[in-house]
Amino acid sequence: MPYDKEENRKKVYEICIETLQKEDVTTIEDLLTYLPISKDTFYRYYPIGSDDYDIIKRAIEKRKMKTKQLLRKVWRSQNSSPAERIFYYKLLANKEEKEAIYDTSIRSAVEAPKHEITLNLIKDEEEQDEE
């Protein structure tokens, strides 16, 4: 039987959706551990910005929010250390929350530092002799 890429892509998508409903998946990396494909193949099947990728990403974000809500309930009802609370929240934090936790801005590209360089030009020997 010949290999049908589109059929395989659909089967993997079904596995993604089933996994997101059953497992506590909070990142694409978590999801990949349940899939019979590599990370490269995943992004070839579901490129960033595609409808399927967006559906998967939204499902992961929804699961992440449910996990955060559960953690908040546990923290309110049981004794847990502040370090434990911070660790789990950092693990699940989105970009804005991480910026608030670390009190910094996360940039997608790092800018090279700007330096001013002053060069002293060497005058020709003739000009030096005249002086």
N, C-alpha and C. Protein backbone atom coordinates (compact mmCIF):
# COMPACT_ATOMS: atom_id res chain seq x y z
N MET A 1 0.85 -1.18 0.00
CA MET A 1 0.00 0.00 0.00
C MET A 1 0.90 1.25 0.00
N PRO A 2 0.68 2.18 -0.90
CA PRO A 2 1.53 3.38 -0.97
C PRO A 2 1.27 4.31 0.21
N TYR A 3 2.30 5.07 0.56
CA TYR A 3 2.25 6.02 1.67
C TYR A 3 1.42 7.23 1.26
N ASP A 4 0.44 7.59 2.06
CA ASP A 4 -0.41 8.74 1.80
C ASP A 4 -0.15 9.79 2.89
N LYS A 5 0.60 10.80 2.52
CA LYS A 5 0.99 11.83 3.50
C LYS A 5 -0.23 12.52 4.12
N GLU A 6 -1.22 12.85 3.30
CA GLU A 6 -2.40 13.54 3.81
C GLU A 6 -3.18 12.66 4.79
N GLU A 7 -3.29 11.39 4.47
CA GLU A 7 -3.98 10.46 5.37
C GLU A 7 -3.23 10.35 6.70
N ASN A 8 -1.91 10.27 6.63
CA ASN A 8 -1.09 10.19 7.84
C ASN A 8 -1.23 11.47 8.66
N ARG A 9 -1.23 12.61 7.99
CA ARG A 9 -1.39 13.90 8.67
C ARG A 9 -2.72 13.94 9.42
N LYS A 10 -3.78 13.45 8.79
CA LYS A 10 -5.10 13.44 9.43
C LYS A 10 -5.12 12.52 10.65
N LYS A 11 -4.48 11.36 10.54
CA LYS A 11 -4.41 10.42 11.67
C LYS A 11 -3.65 11.04 12.84
N VAL A 12 -2.54 11.69 12.54
CA VAL A 12 -1.74 12.34 13.59
C VAL A 12 -2.55 13.46 14.24
N TYR A 13 -3.30 14.20 13.44
CA TYR A 13 -4.14 15.27 13.98
C TYR A 13 -5.17 14.70 14.96
N GLU A 14 -5.77 13.57 14.60
CA GLU A 14 -6.73 12.91 15.49
C GLU A 14 -6.07 12.50 16.80
N ILE A 15 -4.84 11.99 16.71
CA ILE A 15 -4.09 11.62 17.92
C ILE A 15 -3.84 12.86 18.77
N CYS A 16 -3.50 13.97 18.12
CA CYS A 16 -3.27 15.24 18.84
C CYS A 16 -4.52 15.62 19.64
N ILE A 17 -5.65 15.63 18.99
CA ILE A 17 -6.89 16.04 19.64
C ILE A 17 -7.25 15.09 20.78
N GLU A 18 -7.14 13.79 20.55
CA GLU A 18 -7.43 12.81 21.61
C GLU A 18 -6.48 12.99 22.80
N THR A 19 -5.21 13.19 22.51
CA THR A 19 -4.21 13.36 23.57
C THR A 19 -4.51 14.61 24.38
N LEU A 20 -4.87 15.69 23.70
CA LEU A 20 -5.16 16.94 24.40
C LEU A 20 -6.39 16.81 25.30
N GLN A 21 -7.30 15.93 24.95
CA GLN A 21 -8.50 15.73 25.77
C GLN A 21 -8.21 14.83 26.97
N LYS A 22 -7.26 13.90 26.83
CA LYS A 22 -7.02 12.90 27.88
C LYS A 22 -5.85 13.23 28.79
N GLU A 23 -4.80 13.85 28.27
CA GLU A 23 -3.56 14.03 29.01
C GLU A 23 -3.38 15.48 29.46
N ASP A 24 -2.53 15.67 30.44
CA ASP A 24 -2.23 17.01 30.95
C ASP A 24 -1.07 17.60 30.15
N VAL A 25 -1.36 17.95 28.92
CA VAL A 25 -0.37 18.48 27.99
C VAL A 25 -0.39 20.00 28.07
N THR A 26 0.77 20.61 28.36
CA THR A 26 0.81 22.08 28.48
C THR A 26 1.78 22.74 27.52
N THR A 27 2.45 21.95 26.67
CA THR A 27 3.35 22.51 25.65
C THR A 27 3.33 21.63 24.40
N ILE A 28 3.78 22.17 23.31
CA ILE A 28 3.94 21.38 22.08
C ILE A 28 4.92 20.25 22.35
N GLU A 29 5.97 20.53 23.11
CA GLU A 29 6.98 19.51 23.44
C GLU A 29 6.33 18.34 24.18
N ASP A 30 5.42 18.64 25.12
CA ASP A 30 4.69 17.58 25.82
C ASP A 30 3.88 16.75 24.82
N LEU A 31 3.18 17.43 23.94
CA LEU A 31 2.34 16.76 22.96
C LEU A 31 3.16 15.84 22.07
N LEU A 32 4.34 16.28 21.66
CA LEU A 32 5.19 15.50 20.76
C LEU A 32 5.57 14.14 21.35
N THR A 33 5.64 14.04 22.67
CA THR A 33 6.00 12.76 23.29
C THR A 33 4.92 11.70 23.07
N TYR A 34 3.71 12.12 22.77
CA TYR A 34 2.62 11.18 22.52
C TYR A 34 2.44 10.86 21.04
N LEU A 35 3.12 11.56 20.17
CA LEU A 35 2.90 11.42 18.73
C LEU A 35 3.93 10.48 18.08
N PRO A 36 3.51 9.79 17.03
CA PRO A 36 4.42 8.87 16.33
C PRO A 36 5.24 9.57 15.24
N ILE A 37 5.47 10.86 15.42
CA ILE A 37 6.24 11.63 14.43
C ILE A 37 7.26 12.50 15.15
N SER A 38 8.22 13.00 14.39
CA SER A 38 9.25 13.88 14.96
C SER A 38 8.74 15.32 15.03
N LYS A 39 9.50 16.15 15.72
CA LYS A 39 9.17 17.57 15.83
C LYS A 39 9.16 18.22 14.44
N ASP A 40 10.15 17.90 13.62
CA ASP A 40 10.21 18.46 12.26
C ASP A 40 8.98 18.09 11.45
N THR A 41 8.58 16.83 11.54
CA THR A 41 7.40 16.38 10.80
C THR A 41 6.15 17.08 11.32
N PHE A 42 6.07 17.25 12.63
CA PHE A 42 4.92 17.95 13.22
C PHE A 42 4.78 19.34 12.60
N TYR A 43 5.88 20.08 12.53
CA TYR A 43 5.81 21.45 11.99
C TYR A 43 5.64 21.46 10.47
N ARG A 44 6.01 20.39 9.78
CA ARG A 44 5.71 20.29 8.34
C ARG A 44 4.22 20.03 8.14
N TYR A 45 3.66 19.17 8.98
CA TYR A 45 2.23 18.88 8.89
C TYR A 45 1.37 20.07 9.31
N TYR A 46 1.80 20.75 10.37
CA TYR A 46 1.01 21.83 10.96
C TYR A 46 1.89 23.07 11.14
N PRO A 47 2.19 23.78 10.07
CA PRO A 47 3.06 24.96 10.19
C PRO A 47 2.43 26.02 11.09
N ILE A 48 3.28 26.76 11.76
CA ILE A 48 2.81 27.85 12.63
C ILE A 48 1.96 28.80 11.80
N GLY A 49 0.79 29.11 12.32
CA GLY A 49 -0.13 29.99 11.62
C GLY A 49 -1.22 29.25 10.84
N SER A 50 -1.04 27.94 10.65
CA SER A 50 -2.07 27.18 9.94
C SER A 50 -3.27 26.98 10.88
N ASP A 51 -4.42 26.70 10.29
CA ASP A 51 -5.63 26.51 11.10
C ASP A 51 -5.47 25.35 12.08
N ASP A 52 -4.93 24.23 11.60
CA ASP A 52 -4.75 23.07 12.49
C ASP A 52 -3.81 23.39 13.64
N TYR A 53 -2.71 24.08 13.34
CA TYR A 53 -1.76 24.46 14.40
C TYR A 53 -2.45 25.36 15.42
N ASP A 54 -3.23 26.33 14.94
CA ASP A 54 -3.91 27.25 15.85
C ASP A 54 -4.90 26.51 16.75
N ILE A 55 -5.61 25.52 16.20
CA ILE A 55 -6.56 24.74 17.01
C ILE A 55 -5.80 23.96 18.09
N ILE A 56 -4.69 23.33 17.70
CA ILE A 56 -3.88 22.58 18.66
C ILE A 56 -3.33 23.51 19.74
N LYS A 57 -2.81 24.65 19.33
CA LYS A 57 -2.23 25.61 20.28
C LYS A 57 -3.29 26.14 21.25
N ARG A 58 -4.49 26.44 20.74
CA ARG A 58 -5.57 26.92 21.62
C ARG A 58 -5.97 25.83 22.62
N ALA A 59 -6.01 24.59 22.18
CA ALA A 59 -6.35 23.49 23.09
C ALA A 59 -5.29 23.35 24.18
N ILE A 60 -4.03 23.53 23.82
CA ILE A 60 -2.95 23.47 24.81
C ILE A 60 -3.09 24.63 25.80
N GLU A 61 -3.37 25.82 25.30
CA GLU A 61 -3.55 26.98 26.19
C GLU A 61 -4.74 26.78 27.13
N LYS A 62 -5.80 26.17 26.63
CA LYS A 62 -6.97 25.90 27.47
C LYS A 62 -6.60 24.90 28.57
N ARG A 63 -5.84 23.86 28.22
CA ARG A 63 -5.39 22.87 29.20
C ARG A 63 -4.47 23.54 30.23
N LYS A 64 -3.60 24.41 29.75
CA LYS A 64 -2.68 25.11 30.65
C LYS A 64 -3.46 25.96 31.65
N MET A 65 -4.50 26.62 31.17
CA MET A 65 -5.31 27.46 32.07
C MET A 65 -6.03 26.59 33.10
N LYS A 66 -6.53 25.44 32.70
CA LYS A 66 -7.19 24.53 33.66
C LYS A 66 -6.20 24.07 34.72
N THR A 67 -4.98 23.78 34.31
CA THR A 67 -3.95 23.35 35.25
C THR A 67 -3.61 24.49 36.22
N LYS A 68 -3.52 25.71 35.72
CA LYS A 68 -3.26 26.86 36.59
C LYS A 68 -4.38 27.03 37.61
N GLN A 69 -5.61 26.88 37.15
CA GLN A 69 -6.75 27.02 38.06
C GLN A 69 -6.70 25.95 39.14
N LEU A 70 -6.36 24.73 38.76
CA LEU A 70 -6.24 23.64 39.73
C LEU A 70 -5.14 23.95 40.74
N LEU A 71 -4.00 24.43 40.26
CA LEU A 71 -2.90 24.77 41.16
C LEU A 71 -3.31 25.86 42.14
N ARG A 72 -4.04 26.86 41.65
CA ARG A 72 -4.49 27.93 42.54
C ARG A 72 -5.38 27.38 43.66
N LYS A 73 -6.27 26.45 43.31
CA LYS A 73 -7.14 25.84 44.33
C LYS A 73 -6.32 25.06 45.35
N VAL A 74 -5.35 24.31 44.87
CA VAL A 74 -4.49 23.53 45.77
C VAL A 74 -3.73 24.47 46.69
N TRP A 75 -3.19 25.55 46.15
CA TRP A 75 -2.41 26.50 46.96
C TRP A 75 -3.27 27.14 48.05
N ARG A 76 -4.52 27.41 47.72
CA ARG A 76 -5.40 28.04 48.71
C ARG A 76 -5.83 27.06 49.79
N SER A 77 -5.98 25.79 49.44
CA SER A 77 -6.53 24.82 50.39
C SER A 77 -5.49 24.02 51.15
N GLN A 78 -4.27 23.92 50.64
CA GLN A 78 -3.24 23.11 51.29
C GLN A 78 -2.00 23.96 51.56
N ASN A 79 -1.16 23.41 52.43
CA ASN A 79 0.10 24.08 52.70
C ASN A 79 1.10 23.70 51.62
N SER A 80 1.57 24.69 50.89
CA SER A 80 2.65 24.47 49.93
C SER A 80 3.63 25.62 50.09
N SER A 81 4.88 25.33 49.83
CA SER A 81 5.90 26.35 50.02
C SER A 81 5.82 27.40 48.91
N PRO A 82 6.23 28.62 49.21
CA PRO A 82 6.26 29.65 48.17
C PRO A 82 7.13 29.24 46.98
N ALA A 83 8.25 28.57 47.26
CA ALA A 83 9.13 28.14 46.17
C ALA A 83 8.41 27.15 45.25
N GLU A 84 7.64 26.27 45.83
CA GLU A 84 6.87 25.29 45.05
C GLU A 84 5.84 26.00 44.18
N ARG A 85 5.18 26.98 44.73
CA ARG A 85 4.17 27.74 43.99
C ARG A 85 4.81 28.48 42.81
N ILE A 86 5.91 29.13 43.08
CA ILE A 86 6.60 29.88 42.02
C ILE A 86 7.08 28.94 40.92
N PHE A 87 7.64 27.79 41.31
CA PHE A 87 8.13 26.84 40.33
C PHE A 87 7.03 26.42 39.37
N TYR A 88 5.89 25.99 39.90
CA TYR A 88 4.80 25.53 39.04
C TYR A 88 4.22 26.66 38.19
N TYR A 89 4.16 27.84 38.75
CA TYR A 89 3.62 28.94 37.97
C TYR A 89 4.57 29.32 36.84
N LYS A 90 5.87 29.33 37.10
CA LYS A 90 6.84 29.61 36.05
C LYS A 90 6.75 28.58 34.94
N LEU A 91 6.53 27.34 35.33
CA LEU A 91 6.43 26.25 34.38
C LEU A 91 5.27 26.45 33.41
N LEU A 92 4.19 27.04 33.89
CA LEU A 92 2.99 27.19 33.08
C LEU A 92 2.76 28.61 32.57
N ALA A 93 3.61 29.53 32.95
CA ALA A 93 3.38 30.94 32.64
C ALA A 93 3.47 31.24 31.15
N ASN A 94 2.62 32.17 30.72
CA ASN A 94 2.73 32.67 29.35
C ASN A 94 3.73 33.83 29.35
N LYS A 95 3.94 34.43 28.21
CA LYS A 95 4.96 35.48 28.06
C LYS A 95 4.73 36.64 29.03
N GLU A 96 3.50 37.14 29.11
CA GLU A 96 3.20 38.28 29.97
C GLU A 96 3.41 37.94 31.45
N GLU A 97 3.02 36.73 31.83
CA GLU A 97 3.19 36.32 33.23
C GLU A 97 4.68 36.17 33.57
N LYS A 98 5.46 35.62 32.64
CA LYS A 98 6.89 35.50 32.88
C LYS A 98 7.54 36.87 33.01
N GLU A 99 7.12 37.82 32.20
CA GLU A 99 7.65 39.18 32.31
C GLU A 99 7.35 39.76 33.68
N ALA A 100 6.15 39.49 34.20
CA ALA A 100 5.78 39.99 35.52
C ALA A 100 6.58 39.28 36.61
N ILE A 101 6.78 37.98 36.48
CA ILE A 101 7.53 37.22 37.47
C ILE A 101 8.98 37.68 37.52
N TYR A 102 9.58 37.80 36.36
CA TYR A 102 11.00 38.16 36.29
C TYR A 102 11.22 39.67 36.27
N ASP A 103 10.12 40.44 36.22
CA ASP A 103 10.20 41.90 36.17
C ASP A 103 11.12 42.35 35.05
N THR A 104 10.91 41.77 33.89
CA THR A 104 11.73 42.11 32.73
C THR A 104 10.91 41.89 31.47
N SER A 105 11.43 42.33 30.39
CA SER A 105 10.77 42.15 29.10
C SER A 105 11.49 41.06 28.32
N ILE A 106 10.75 40.15 27.76
CA ILE A 106 11.33 39.08 26.96
C ILE A 106 11.30 39.53 25.50
N ARG A 107 12.43 39.54 24.87
CA ARG A 107 12.52 39.99 23.49
C ARG A 107 12.77 38.81 22.58
N SER A 108 12.19 38.89 21.39
CA SER A 108 12.39 37.80 20.43
C SER A 108 13.76 37.90 19.77
N ALA A 109 14.33 39.09 19.71
CA ALA A 109 15.66 39.24 19.13
C ALA A 109 16.49 40.13 20.05
N VAL A 110 17.70 39.73 20.27
CA VAL A 110 18.59 40.50 21.12
C VAL A 110 19.36 41.47 20.25
N GLU A 111 19.35 42.72 20.66
CA GLU A 111 20.08 43.73 19.90
C GLU A 111 21.52 43.78 20.38
N ALA A 112 22.42 43.90 19.43
CA ALA A 112 23.84 44.01 19.77
C ALA A 112 24.08 45.36 20.44
N PRO A 113 24.97 45.39 21.42
CA PRO A 113 25.27 46.67 22.08
C PRO A 113 25.91 47.63 21.08
N LYS A 114 25.59 48.89 21.27
CA LYS A 114 26.15 49.91 20.37
C LYS A 114 27.33 50.57 21.07
N HIS A 115 28.43 50.64 20.36
CA HIS A 115 29.64 51.24 20.89
C HIS A 115 30.10 52.35 19.97
N GLU A 116 30.65 53.37 20.58
CA GLU A 116 31.27 54.43 19.78
C GLU A 116 32.76 54.19 19.79
N ILE A 117 33.34 54.23 18.63
CA ILE A 117 34.78 54.02 18.51
C ILE A 117 35.39 55.28 17.92
N THR A 118 36.39 55.79 18.60
CA THR A 118 37.09 56.98 18.11
C THR A 118 38.45 56.54 17.60
N LEU A 119 38.74 56.91 16.40
CA LEU A 119 40.03 56.56 15.81
C LEU A 119 40.88 57.81 15.67
N ASN A 120 42.10 57.69 16.06
CA ASN A 120 43.05 58.77 15.82
C ASN A 120 43.74 58.46 14.50
N LEU A 121 43.60 59.36 13.58
CA LEU A 121 44.19 59.12 12.26
C LEU A 121 45.66 59.51 12.28
N ILE A 122 46.46 58.72 11.64
CA ILE A 122 47.89 58.99 11.55
C ILE A 122 48.11 59.87 10.33
N LYS A 123 48.79 60.97 10.54
CA LYS A 123 49.05 61.90 9.44
C LYS A 123 50.20 61.36 8.60
N ASP A 124 50.21 61.76 7.38
CA ASP A 124 51.31 61.38 6.49
C ASP A 124 52.63 61.86 7.08
N GLU A 125 53.67 61.19 6.75
CA GLU A 125 55.00 61.58 7.25
C GLU A 125 55.31 63.03 6.90
N GLU A 126 54.89 63.46 5.73
CA GLU A 126 55.17 64.84 5.32
C GLU A 126 54.48 65.83 6.24
N GLU A 127 53.25 65.54 6.58
CA GLU A 127 52.52 66.45 7.46
C GLU A 127 53.15 66.46 8.84
N GLN A 128 53.64 65.32 9.28
CA GLN A 128 54.27 65.23 10.59
C GLN A 128 55.58 66.03 10.58
N ASP A 129 56.34 65.95 9.47
CA ASP A 129 57.61 66.67 9.37
C ASP A 129 57.39 68.17 9.37
N GLU A 130 56.31 68.62 8.75
CA GLU A 130 56.03 70.06 8.66
C GLU A 130 55.72 70.63 10.04
N GLU A 131 55.22 69.83 10.90
CA GLU A 131 54.85 70.34 12.22
C GLU A 131 56.00 70.37 13.09
